[in-house]
N, C-alpha and C. Protein backbone atom coordinates (compact mmCIF):
# COMPACT_ATOMS: atom_id res chain seq x y z
N GLN A 1 149.50 99.57 108.80
CA GLN A 1 148.08 99.34 108.10
C GLN A 1 146.92 99.74 109.36
N VAL A 2 145.99 100.36 109.13
CA VAL A 2 145.01 100.45 109.88
C VAL A 2 143.95 99.79 109.62
N GLN A 3 143.00 99.43 110.13
CA GLN A 3 141.66 98.53 110.47
C GLN A 3 140.64 99.30 111.25
N LEU A 4 139.24 99.16 110.45
CA LEU A 4 138.06 99.46 111.62
C LEU A 4 137.18 98.31 111.23
N VAL A 5 136.66 97.89 112.62
CA VAL A 5 136.10 97.07 112.58
C VAL A 5 134.47 97.28 113.51
N GLU A 6 133.65 97.25 112.66
CA GLU A 6 132.43 97.48 113.30
C GLU A 6 131.42 96.35 114.09
N SER A 7 130.61 96.54 114.97
CA SER A 7 130.03 95.71 115.61
C SER A 7 128.81 96.21 116.55
N GLY A 8 127.81 95.20 116.30
CA GLY A 8 126.63 96.01 117.13
C GLY A 8 125.28 96.11 116.38
N GLY A 9 125.36 95.83 114.83
CA GLY A 9 124.05 95.94 113.97
C GLY A 9 123.01 94.85 114.31
N GLY A 10 122.54 94.80 113.42
CA GLY A 10 121.50 93.77 113.57
C GLY A 10 119.84 94.10 113.20
N LEU A 11 119.15 93.31 113.59
CA LEU A 11 117.61 93.64 113.69
C LEU A 11 116.74 93.99 114.76
N VAL A 12 115.97 95.02 114.66
CA VAL A 12 115.33 95.27 115.86
C VAL A 12 114.45 96.00 115.89
N GLN A 13 113.16 95.79 116.55
CA GLN A 13 111.75 96.28 116.46
C GLN A 13 111.87 98.00 116.47
N PRO A 14 110.65 98.41 115.92
CA PRO A 14 110.56 100.10 115.97
C PRO A 14 110.34 100.51 117.40
N GLY A 15 111.08 101.93 117.67
CA GLY A 15 111.33 102.03 119.36
C GLY A 15 112.28 101.16 119.69
N GLY A 16 113.02 100.33 119.29
CA GLY A 16 114.02 99.86 120.11
C GLY A 16 115.59 100.72 119.55
N SER A 17 116.48 99.72 120.41
CA SER A 17 117.76 100.29 120.83
C SER A 17 118.90 99.57 120.41
N LEU A 18 120.06 100.06 119.74
CA LEU A 18 121.46 99.62 118.95
C LEU A 18 122.15 100.22 119.81
N ARG A 19 123.84 99.86 120.03
CA ARG A 19 124.72 100.39 119.91
C ARG A 19 125.61 99.76 119.01
N LEU A 20 126.21 101.00 118.19
CA LEU A 20 126.94 100.35 117.10
C LEU A 20 128.58 100.71 117.48
N SER A 21 129.60 99.96 117.51
CA SER A 21 130.77 100.20 117.85
C SER A 21 131.72 100.16 116.54
N CYS A 22 132.76 101.14 116.81
CA CYS A 22 133.74 100.89 115.55
C CYS A 22 135.26 101.34 115.93
N GLU A 23 135.94 99.93 116.39
CA GLU A 23 137.31 100.11 117.01
C GLU A 23 138.29 100.01 115.51
N ALA A 24 139.14 100.79 115.74
CA ALA A 24 140.07 100.86 115.12
C ALA A 24 141.54 100.73 115.35
N SER A 25 142.52 99.70 114.88
CA SER A 25 143.47 98.86 115.45
C SER A 25 144.73 99.15 114.10
N GLY A 26 145.89 99.13 114.79
CA GLY A 26 147.15 99.06 113.86
C GLY A 26 147.92 100.45 114.25
N SER A 27 148.83 100.66 113.56
CA SER A 27 149.75 101.78 113.80
C SER A 27 149.09 103.09 113.61
N ILE A 28 148.61 103.59 115.07
CA ILE A 28 147.93 104.74 115.08
C ILE A 28 148.50 105.59 115.84
N PHE A 29 148.72 106.78 115.79
CA PHE A 29 149.37 108.07 116.68
C PHE A 29 148.02 108.54 116.87
N SER A 30 147.29 108.96 116.48
CA SER A 30 146.05 109.96 117.19
C SER A 30 144.92 109.85 116.28
N ILE A 31 143.84 109.47 116.68
CA ILE A 31 142.54 109.83 116.17
C ILE A 31 141.98 111.19 116.09
N LEU A 32 141.84 111.68 115.20
CA LEU A 32 141.01 113.09 115.09
C LEU A 32 139.51 112.86 115.04
N GLY A 33 138.97 113.23 113.89
CA GLY A 33 137.74 113.40 113.40
C GLY A 33 137.22 112.06 113.12
N VAL A 34 135.79 111.79 113.67
CA VAL A 34 135.20 110.39 113.58
C VAL A 34 133.89 111.00 113.18
N GLY A 35 133.06 110.05 112.49
CA GLY A 35 131.61 110.05 112.18
C GLY A 35 131.21 108.87 111.81
N TRP A 36 129.72 108.84 111.74
CA TRP A 36 128.91 107.69 111.27
C TRP A 36 128.21 107.88 110.02
N TYR A 37 128.03 106.97 109.04
CA TYR A 37 127.06 107.32 107.83
C TYR A 37 126.53 106.25 107.85
N ARG A 38 125.70 106.52 107.03
CA ARG A 38 124.62 105.45 106.45
C ARG A 38 124.11 105.38 104.89
N GLN A 39 123.50 104.12 104.61
CA GLN A 39 123.73 104.16 103.38
C GLN A 39 122.44 103.08 102.89
N ALA A 40 120.93 103.59 102.61
CA ALA A 40 120.14 102.75 102.50
C ALA A 40 120.02 102.32 100.95
N PRO A 41 119.12 101.09 100.60
CA PRO A 41 119.37 100.42 99.29
C PRO A 41 118.52 101.66 98.46
N GLY A 42 119.37 102.05 97.12
CA GLY A 42 119.12 102.63 96.18
C GLY A 42 119.18 104.06 96.64
N LYS A 43 119.90 104.42 98.02
CA LYS A 43 120.28 105.89 98.47
C LYS A 43 121.57 105.83 98.27
N GLN A 44 121.71 107.38 98.33
CA GLN A 44 123.31 107.49 98.61
C GLN A 44 123.69 107.40 100.17
N ARG A 45 124.65 107.63 100.30
CA ARG A 45 125.42 107.64 101.63
C ARG A 45 125.07 109.18 102.35
N GLU A 46 124.73 109.00 103.49
CA GLU A 46 124.43 110.33 104.12
C GLU A 46 124.88 110.20 105.54
N LEU A 47 125.44 111.38 106.00
CA LEU A 47 125.90 111.80 107.36
C LEU A 47 124.93 111.69 108.33
N VAL A 48 125.28 110.75 109.32
CA VAL A 48 124.65 110.45 110.79
C VAL A 48 125.01 111.52 111.82
N ALA A 49 126.20 111.61 111.99
CA ALA A 49 126.67 112.10 112.98
C ALA A 49 128.54 112.21 112.54
N ALA A 50 128.49 113.35 113.39
CA ALA A 50 130.26 113.33 113.30
C ALA A 50 130.71 114.35 114.69
N ARG A 51 131.99 113.52 114.91
CA ARG A 51 132.55 114.60 116.14
C ARG A 51 133.81 114.95 115.76
N THR A 52 134.41 116.41 115.44
CA THR A 52 135.73 116.59 115.46
C THR A 52 136.41 116.38 116.79
N SER A 53 137.69 116.21 116.10
CA SER A 53 139.01 116.37 117.42
C SER A 53 138.87 117.48 118.39
N GLY A 54 138.22 118.41 118.11
CA GLY A 54 138.13 119.29 119.28
C GLY A 54 136.77 119.25 119.95
N GLY A 55 135.99 118.10 119.68
CA GLY A 55 134.90 117.77 120.41
C GLY A 55 133.37 118.57 120.05
N MET A 56 133.52 118.99 118.72
CA MET A 56 132.22 119.48 118.03
C MET A 56 131.71 118.04 117.60
N ILE A 57 130.56 118.50 117.85
CA ILE A 57 129.34 117.43 117.37
C ILE A 57 128.32 117.93 116.37
N ASN A 58 128.09 117.11 115.12
CA ASN A 58 127.16 117.50 114.57
C ASN A 58 126.29 116.28 114.05
N TYR A 59 124.76 116.45 114.17
CA TYR A 59 123.80 115.65 113.84
C TYR A 59 123.16 115.74 112.68
N ALA A 60 122.76 114.67 111.84
CA ALA A 60 121.67 115.03 111.10
C ALA A 60 120.44 115.26 111.73
N ASP A 61 119.67 115.97 111.10
CA ASP A 61 118.47 116.30 111.53
C ASP A 61 117.42 115.30 112.06
N PHE A 62 117.45 114.16 111.08
CA PHE A 62 116.41 112.67 111.35
C PHE A 62 117.04 112.36 112.37
N VAL A 63 118.24 112.70 113.04
CA VAL A 63 118.60 111.47 114.33
C VAL A 63 118.88 112.49 115.50
N LYS A 64 118.33 113.79 115.22
CA LYS A 64 118.71 114.60 116.58
C LYS A 64 117.73 114.27 117.85
N GLY A 65 118.19 113.95 118.82
CA GLY A 65 117.77 113.85 119.90
C GLY A 65 117.40 112.51 120.01
N ARG A 66 117.83 111.19 119.34
CA ARG A 66 117.53 109.94 119.31
C ARG A 66 119.14 109.25 118.95
N PHE A 67 120.03 109.82 118.29
CA PHE A 67 121.29 109.02 117.97
C PHE A 67 122.44 109.82 119.22
N THR A 68 122.94 109.26 119.55
CA THR A 68 124.53 110.09 120.18
C THR A 68 125.76 108.91 119.42
N ILE A 69 126.72 110.43 119.23
CA ILE A 69 128.04 109.57 118.87
C ILE A 69 128.96 109.82 120.11
N SER A 70 129.68 108.79 120.46
CA SER A 70 130.91 109.22 121.45
C SER A 70 132.05 108.27 120.96
N ARG A 71 133.37 108.58 121.91
CA ARG A 71 134.11 107.78 121.51
C ARG A 71 134.96 107.49 122.80
N ASP A 72 135.75 106.48 122.77
CA ASP A 72 136.70 105.95 124.16
C ASP A 72 137.98 105.92 123.38
N ASN A 73 139.06 107.14 123.50
CA ASN A 73 140.25 107.26 123.48
C ASN A 73 141.17 106.12 123.50
N ALA A 74 141.02 105.55 124.76
CA ALA A 74 141.89 104.53 125.16
C ALA A 74 141.60 103.39 124.52
N LYS A 75 140.71 103.43 123.81
CA LYS A 75 140.21 101.81 123.26
C LYS A 75 140.11 102.14 121.68
N ASN A 76 140.44 103.45 121.19
CA ASN A 76 140.65 103.96 119.72
C ASN A 76 139.04 103.66 119.16
N THR A 77 138.20 103.51 120.09
CA THR A 77 136.85 103.06 119.18
C THR A 77 135.68 104.23 119.71
N VAL A 78 134.72 104.06 118.51
CA VAL A 78 133.87 104.99 118.24
C VAL A 78 132.37 104.52 118.29
N TYR A 79 131.65 105.20 118.99
CA TYR A 79 130.11 104.62 118.98
C TYR A 79 129.03 105.21 118.58
N LEU A 80 128.20 104.80 118.34
CA LEU A 80 126.75 105.37 118.05
C LEU A 80 125.78 104.66 118.59
N GLN A 81 125.20 105.40 119.69
CA GLN A 81 123.84 104.89 120.30
C GLN A 81 123.14 105.19 119.70
N MET A 82 121.92 104.30 119.25
CA MET A 82 120.66 104.70 118.65
C MET A 82 119.42 104.04 119.28
N ASN A 83 118.46 105.32 120.02
CA ASN A 83 117.52 104.85 120.70
C ASN A 83 116.19 104.96 119.49
N SER A 84 115.02 104.61 120.24
CA SER A 84 113.87 105.07 119.11
C SER A 84 114.08 105.09 117.75
N LEU A 85 114.70 103.75 117.48
CA LEU A 85 114.62 103.39 116.12
C LEU A 85 113.73 103.12 115.58
N LYS A 86 113.44 103.80 114.19
CA LYS A 86 112.25 103.91 113.19
C LYS A 86 112.92 102.98 111.96
N PRO A 87 111.56 102.47 111.09
CA PRO A 87 111.77 101.52 109.90
C PRO A 87 112.77 102.35 108.82
N GLU A 88 112.69 103.79 109.07
CA GLU A 88 113.49 104.51 107.82
C GLU A 88 114.70 104.75 108.34
N ASP A 89 115.40 103.93 109.57
CA ASP A 89 116.42 103.92 110.22
C ASP A 89 117.34 102.80 109.21
N THR A 90 116.44 101.91 108.63
CA THR A 90 117.22 100.55 108.25
C THR A 90 118.38 101.27 106.96
N ALA A 91 119.25 100.60 107.33
CA ALA A 91 120.56 100.96 106.42
C ALA A 91 121.84 100.32 106.65
N ALA A 92 122.90 100.50 106.07
CA ALA A 92 124.30 100.03 106.44
C ALA A 92 124.90 101.22 106.90
N TYR A 93 125.28 100.76 107.97
CA TYR A 93 125.89 102.20 108.64
C TYR A 93 127.70 101.74 108.76
N TYR A 94 128.18 103.08 108.21
CA TYR A 94 129.41 103.00 108.18
C TYR A 94 130.40 103.85 109.01
N CYS A 95 131.03 103.64 109.58
CA CYS A 95 132.02 104.39 110.57
C CYS A 95 133.21 105.13 109.79
N HIS A 96 133.64 106.41 109.88
CA HIS A 96 134.61 106.87 109.27
C HIS A 96 135.81 107.71 110.56
N VAL A 97 136.83 107.37 110.11
CA VAL A 97 137.96 107.96 110.83
C VAL A 97 138.95 108.73 110.28
N ASP A 98 139.29 109.85 110.82
CA ASP A 98 140.45 110.44 110.24
C ASP A 98 141.50 110.39 111.17
N LEU A 99 143.05 109.84 111.29
CA LEU A 99 143.94 109.76 112.09
C LEU A 99 145.12 110.15 111.27
N THR A 100 146.24 110.15 112.13
CA THR A 100 147.76 110.03 111.85
C THR A 100 148.48 109.04 112.45
N ILE A 101 149.52 108.40 111.72
CA ILE A 101 150.20 107.32 112.11
C ILE A 101 151.81 107.92 112.47
N PRO A 102 152.41 107.23 113.41
CA PRO A 102 153.62 107.51 113.85
C PRO A 102 154.64 107.60 112.89
N GLU A 103 154.63 107.00 111.56
CA GLU A 103 155.37 107.20 110.44
C GLU A 103 155.21 108.38 109.53
N ALA A 104 153.88 109.08 109.78
CA ALA A 104 153.89 110.09 109.09
C ALA A 104 152.97 111.22 109.87
N LEU A 105 153.48 112.03 110.84
CA LEU A 105 152.47 112.97 111.84
C LEU A 105 152.13 114.22 111.00
N ASP A 106 152.46 114.00 110.14
CA ASP A 106 151.99 115.52 109.39
C ASP A 106 151.02 115.17 108.05
N VAL A 107 150.60 113.89 108.18
CA VAL A 107 149.56 113.68 107.24
C VAL A 107 148.59 112.57 107.96
N VAL A 108 147.27 113.28 107.13
CA VAL A 108 145.90 112.71 108.23
C VAL A 108 145.50 111.63 106.84
N TYR A 109 145.20 110.27 107.65
CA TYR A 109 144.49 109.80 106.68
C TYR A 109 143.03 109.12 107.04
N SER A 110 142.58 108.73 105.88
CA SER A 110 140.95 108.66 105.98
C SER A 110 140.69 107.40 106.01
N TYR A 111 139.77 106.59 106.79
CA TYR A 111 139.54 105.33 106.79
C TYR A 111 137.88 105.22 106.90
N TRP A 112 137.34 103.79 106.29
CA TRP A 112 135.83 103.58 106.33
C TRP A 112 135.84 102.12 106.71
N GLY A 113 135.05 102.22 107.85
CA GLY A 113 134.62 100.59 108.24
C GLY A 113 134.16 100.10 107.21
N GLN A 114 133.69 98.70 106.93
CA GLN A 114 133.28 97.79 106.09
C GLN A 114 131.76 97.94 105.97
N GLY A 115 131.15 98.57 106.93
CA GLY A 115 129.43 98.63 106.89
C GLY A 115 128.88 97.68 107.81
N ILE A 116 127.95 97.93 108.16
CA ILE A 116 127.07 97.15 109.21
C ILE A 116 125.69 97.18 109.28
N PRO A 117 124.90 96.16 108.86
CA PRO A 117 123.31 96.17 108.76
C PRO A 117 122.78 96.61 109.64
N VAL A 118 121.68 97.20 109.59
CA VAL A 118 120.87 97.57 110.99
C VAL A 118 119.27 97.69 110.24
N THR A 119 118.78 96.99 110.68
CA THR A 119 117.35 96.71 109.93
C THR A 119 116.36 96.84 111.31
N VAL A 120 115.20 97.93 111.04
CA VAL A 120 114.16 98.41 111.91
C VAL A 120 112.92 97.63 111.19
N SER A 121 112.46 96.66 112.05
CA SER A 121 111.34 96.01 111.55
C SER A 121 110.38 95.39 112.58
N SER A 122 109.14 95.38 112.54
CA SER A 122 108.52 94.46 113.28
C SER A 122 107.81 93.20 112.84
């Protein structure tokens, strides 16, 4: 069983910063692609940033230059550093991880975090 636990969200003023963390735990062999998505009330979930197992990174246009995705393989943790936050960044943020498990190395499993709220407001 694999779990993703997110942390680091909360309330921040416009222009401020937050760092989201997503720690994967359980029976994990290898973490492949990782990503962060967000969903604002009444809107569809959208990609914020993604990093492939090969190291390619893709950012949504609305966060380029402000957000940075990174990972710590030793800790099975994915981060999203968010700077220069705007009110329109307010949303629930979800991490997504593709991984393999020791029991089935030829199968890629996808997991979602539970979502963590980020509110940007003065």
